[in-house]
Each structure stands twice: as C-alpha cells, then as structure tokens.
Amino acid sequence: MSIPISIVITTYNRQRFLAAAIESVLAQTRQDFELLIWDDGSTDESVSLIQTYALNHQIRVVAAPHQGRVPA
C-alpha cells in the first residue's frame, strides 16, 4: 500500500515554465498524489494557466498576494 503524497510548486511570473512542470508531475507513474501550486501574486498569465490544469481533481491552486521571500 502506498501513502498519498503532496507535491508543491511555487511560482511567480513563470508562465512559460509552468505547463512543462505540471505535465512532468502528471506524467509520473505514481498516481496517488495531490499537486498544490502556490502562485505568489504573478502579474503574467500564470494563474489562468494553472486554473486550466486545476480542473484535474488532483491539482489545487492557491493564488496569493505577492509576498516575495519569507522565512520558512
């Protein structure tokens, strides 16, 4: 029995790389995961692109206001 995992992608104005990153996760053989994509207030079309992928029940998007780097 495998344990479900969470994969997190953070992004800020990286629309041109997002589709490849998301497709890479979706192409994995392991299917018991959730993909959380955290957008840090992008001003490009990153959120729109992510939302088209979020129609897949395994993908969630958080569109947050821009905060830049913050301590963990």
N, C-alpha and C. Protein backbone atom coordinates (compact mmCIF):
# COMPACT_ATOMS: atom_id res chain seq x y z
N MET A 1 0.84 -1.18 0.00
CA MET A 1 0.00 0.00 0.00
C MET A 1 0.88 1.24 0.00
N SER A 2 0.66 2.15 -0.92
CA SER A 2 1.46 3.37 -0.96
C SER A 2 0.72 4.50 -0.24
N ILE A 3 1.49 5.39 0.30
CA ILE A 3 0.95 6.53 1.04
C ILE A 3 0.80 7.70 0.08
N PRO A 4 -0.36 8.34 0.05
CA PRO A 4 -0.53 9.52 -0.83
C PRO A 4 0.48 10.61 -0.47
N ILE A 5 0.92 11.34 -1.46
CA ILE A 5 1.89 12.40 -1.23
C ILE A 5 1.37 13.73 -1.76
N SER A 6 1.94 14.80 -1.27
CA SER A 6 1.65 16.14 -1.75
C SER A 6 2.89 16.68 -2.43
N ILE A 7 2.70 17.24 -3.59
CA ILE A 7 3.78 17.87 -4.34
C ILE A 7 3.44 19.35 -4.41
N VAL A 8 4.41 20.20 -4.12
CA VAL A 8 4.17 21.64 -4.10
C VAL A 8 5.07 22.31 -5.13
N ILE A 9 4.45 23.14 -5.95
CA ILE A 9 5.19 24.01 -6.89
C ILE A 9 4.87 25.44 -6.48
N THR A 10 5.91 26.23 -6.26
CA THR A 10 5.71 27.66 -6.01
C THR A 10 6.12 28.40 -7.28
N THR A 11 5.43 29.50 -7.55
CA THR A 11 5.72 30.22 -8.78
C THR A 11 5.44 31.71 -8.63
N TYR A 12 6.18 32.48 -9.39
CA TYR A 12 5.95 33.92 -9.51
C TYR A 12 6.40 34.33 -10.90
N ASN A 13 5.44 34.70 -11.73
CA ASN A 13 5.71 35.13 -13.11
C ASN A 13 6.56 34.13 -13.90
N ARG A 14 6.19 32.87 -13.84
CA ARG A 14 6.91 31.81 -14.56
C ARG A 14 5.98 31.05 -15.49
N GLN A 15 5.07 31.77 -16.11
CA GLN A 15 4.09 31.16 -17.00
C GLN A 15 4.76 30.27 -18.05
N ARG A 16 5.87 30.68 -18.60
CA ARG A 16 6.48 29.92 -19.68
C ARG A 16 7.04 28.57 -19.24
N PHE A 17 7.25 28.37 -17.95
CA PHE A 17 7.76 27.10 -17.45
C PHE A 17 6.70 26.21 -16.81
N LEU A 18 5.55 26.78 -16.46
CA LEU A 18 4.56 26.06 -15.68
C LEU A 18 3.98 24.84 -16.37
N ALA A 19 3.61 24.95 -17.63
CA ALA A 19 3.00 23.81 -18.31
C ALA A 19 3.94 22.62 -18.30
N ALA A 20 5.22 22.83 -18.57
CA ALA A 20 6.18 21.73 -18.57
C ALA A 20 6.32 21.13 -17.17
N ALA A 21 6.34 21.97 -16.15
CA ALA A 21 6.46 21.47 -14.77
C ALA A 21 5.24 20.64 -14.38
N ILE A 22 4.06 21.14 -14.70
CA ILE A 22 2.83 20.43 -14.37
C ILE A 22 2.74 19.12 -15.16
N GLU A 23 3.02 19.18 -16.44
CA GLU A 23 2.98 17.97 -17.27
C GLU A 23 3.97 16.93 -16.77
N SER A 24 5.11 17.36 -16.29
CA SER A 24 6.09 16.43 -15.75
C SER A 24 5.54 15.68 -14.54
N VAL A 25 4.87 16.40 -13.66
CA VAL A 25 4.27 15.75 -12.49
C VAL A 25 3.18 14.78 -12.94
N LEU A 26 2.33 15.21 -13.86
CA LEU A 26 1.22 14.36 -14.31
C LEU A 26 1.70 13.12 -15.06
N ALA A 27 2.90 13.16 -15.61
CA ALA A 27 3.43 12.03 -16.39
C ALA A 27 4.05 10.94 -15.51
N GLN A 28 4.14 11.17 -14.23
CA GLN A 28 4.74 10.19 -13.33
C GLN A 28 3.87 8.94 -13.25
N THR A 29 4.49 7.83 -12.96
CA THR A 29 3.73 6.58 -12.84
C THR A 29 2.93 6.53 -11.55
N ARG A 30 3.40 7.17 -10.52
CA ARG A 30 2.65 7.21 -9.26
C ARG A 30 1.45 8.14 -9.43
N GLN A 31 0.28 7.68 -9.07
CA GLN A 31 -0.93 8.47 -9.27
C GLN A 31 -1.62 8.90 -7.98
N ASP A 32 -1.13 8.45 -6.83
CA ASP A 32 -1.77 8.81 -5.57
C ASP A 32 -1.08 10.04 -4.97
N PHE A 33 -1.34 11.19 -5.58
CA PHE A 33 -0.74 12.44 -5.14
C PHE A 33 -1.73 13.57 -5.32
N GLU A 34 -1.42 14.67 -4.65
CA GLU A 34 -2.08 15.94 -4.94
C GLU A 34 -0.97 16.91 -5.32
N LEU A 35 -1.26 17.76 -6.27
CA LEU A 35 -0.31 18.79 -6.69
C LEU A 35 -0.87 20.13 -6.26
N LEU A 36 -0.15 20.80 -5.40
CA LEU A 36 -0.53 22.13 -4.92
C LEU A 36 0.39 23.14 -5.59
N ILE A 37 -0.20 24.07 -6.30
CA ILE A 37 0.59 25.10 -6.97
C ILE A 37 0.28 26.43 -6.29
N TRP A 38 1.31 27.01 -5.69
CA TRP A 38 1.18 28.26 -4.95
C TRP A 38 1.72 29.38 -5.82
N ASP A 39 0.82 30.28 -6.23
CA ASP A 39 1.24 31.43 -7.03
C ASP A 39 1.40 32.63 -6.11
N ASP A 40 2.56 33.26 -6.18
CA ASP A 40 2.90 34.38 -5.30
C ASP A 40 2.59 35.72 -5.97
N GLY A 41 1.34 35.89 -6.40
CA GLY A 41 0.91 37.17 -6.95
C GLY A 41 1.46 37.49 -8.32
N SER A 42 1.56 36.51 -9.19
CA SER A 42 2.09 36.73 -10.55
C SER A 42 1.28 37.79 -11.29
N THR A 43 1.98 38.54 -12.12
CA THR A 43 1.33 39.56 -12.95
C THR A 43 1.21 39.10 -14.40
N ASP A 44 1.74 37.91 -14.71
CA ASP A 44 1.56 37.36 -16.06
C ASP A 44 0.32 36.45 -16.03
N GLU A 45 0.19 35.55 -16.95
CA GLU A 45 -0.99 34.69 -17.03
C GLU A 45 -0.80 33.35 -16.31
N SER A 46 0.10 33.31 -15.35
CA SER A 46 0.36 32.07 -14.62
C SER A 46 -0.89 31.48 -13.98
N VAL A 47 -1.66 32.30 -13.29
CA VAL A 47 -2.84 31.80 -12.58
C VAL A 47 -3.86 31.24 -13.56
N SER A 48 -4.08 31.90 -14.67
CA SER A 48 -5.03 31.40 -15.67
C SER A 48 -4.59 30.04 -16.19
N LEU A 49 -3.32 29.89 -16.46
CA LEU A 49 -2.79 28.61 -16.93
C LEU A 49 -2.98 27.53 -15.87
N ILE A 50 -2.64 27.85 -14.64
CA ILE A 50 -2.79 26.88 -13.55
C ILE A 50 -4.25 26.47 -13.40
N GLN A 51 -5.17 27.42 -13.50
CA GLN A 51 -6.58 27.12 -13.32
C GLN A 51 -7.10 26.15 -14.38
N THR A 52 -6.54 26.18 -15.59
CA THR A 52 -6.97 25.21 -16.59
C THR A 52 -6.55 23.80 -16.18
N TYR A 53 -5.41 23.67 -15.56
CA TYR A 53 -4.96 22.37 -15.06
C TYR A 53 -5.72 21.97 -13.80
N ALA A 54 -6.17 22.93 -13.03
CA ALA A 54 -6.85 22.65 -11.76
C ALA A 54 -8.21 21.98 -11.97
N LEU A 55 -8.65 21.86 -13.20
CA LEU A 55 -9.86 21.09 -13.48
C LEU A 55 -9.63 19.62 -13.14
N ASN A 56 -8.38 19.19 -13.14
CA ASN A 56 -8.00 17.86 -12.70
C ASN A 56 -8.13 17.84 -11.17
N HIS A 57 -8.84 16.88 -10.63
CA HIS A 57 -9.11 16.85 -9.19
C HIS A 57 -7.86 16.70 -8.33
N GLN A 58 -6.73 16.33 -8.92
CA GLN A 58 -5.50 16.17 -8.15
C GLN A 58 -4.72 17.47 -8.01
N ILE A 59 -5.16 18.52 -8.69
CA ILE A 59 -4.41 19.77 -8.71
C ILE A 59 -5.21 20.87 -8.03
N ARG A 60 -4.54 21.56 -7.10
CA ARG A 60 -5.15 22.70 -6.42
C ARG A 60 -4.25 23.92 -6.61
N VAL A 61 -4.88 25.08 -6.68
CA VAL A 61 -4.12 26.31 -6.86
C VAL A 61 -4.43 27.26 -5.71
N VAL A 62 -3.38 27.92 -5.24
CA VAL A 62 -3.53 29.00 -4.27
C VAL A 62 -2.97 30.23 -4.95
N ALA A 63 -3.83 31.21 -5.19
CA ALA A 63 -3.40 32.47 -5.79
C ALA A 63 -3.31 33.50 -4.66
N ALA A 64 -2.11 33.70 -4.18
CA ALA A 64 -1.88 34.58 -3.03
C ALA A 64 -1.35 35.93 -3.50
N PRO A 65 -1.49 36.96 -2.67
CA PRO A 65 -0.86 38.24 -3.00
C PRO A 65 0.66 38.08 -2.94
N HIS A 66 1.36 38.91 -3.70
CA HIS A 66 2.82 38.80 -3.76
C HIS A 66 3.43 39.09 -2.40
N GLN A 67 4.26 38.15 -1.94
CA GLN A 67 4.96 38.31 -0.67
C GLN A 67 6.47 38.25 -0.82
N GLY A 68 6.93 37.72 -1.95
CA GLY A 68 8.36 37.56 -2.13
C GLY A 68 8.89 36.49 -1.20
N ARG A 69 10.14 36.56 -0.90
CA ARG A 69 10.75 35.58 0.02
C ARG A 69 10.30 35.83 1.44
N VAL A 70 9.95 34.76 2.10
CA VAL A 70 9.57 34.85 3.51
C VAL A 70 10.27 33.73 4.26
N PRO A 71 10.54 33.92 5.53
CA PRO A 71 11.17 32.83 6.30
C PRO A 71 10.25 31.63 6.37
N ALA A 72 10.82 30.45 6.35
CA ALA A 72 10.02 29.23 6.43
C ALA A 72 9.50 29.03 7.83
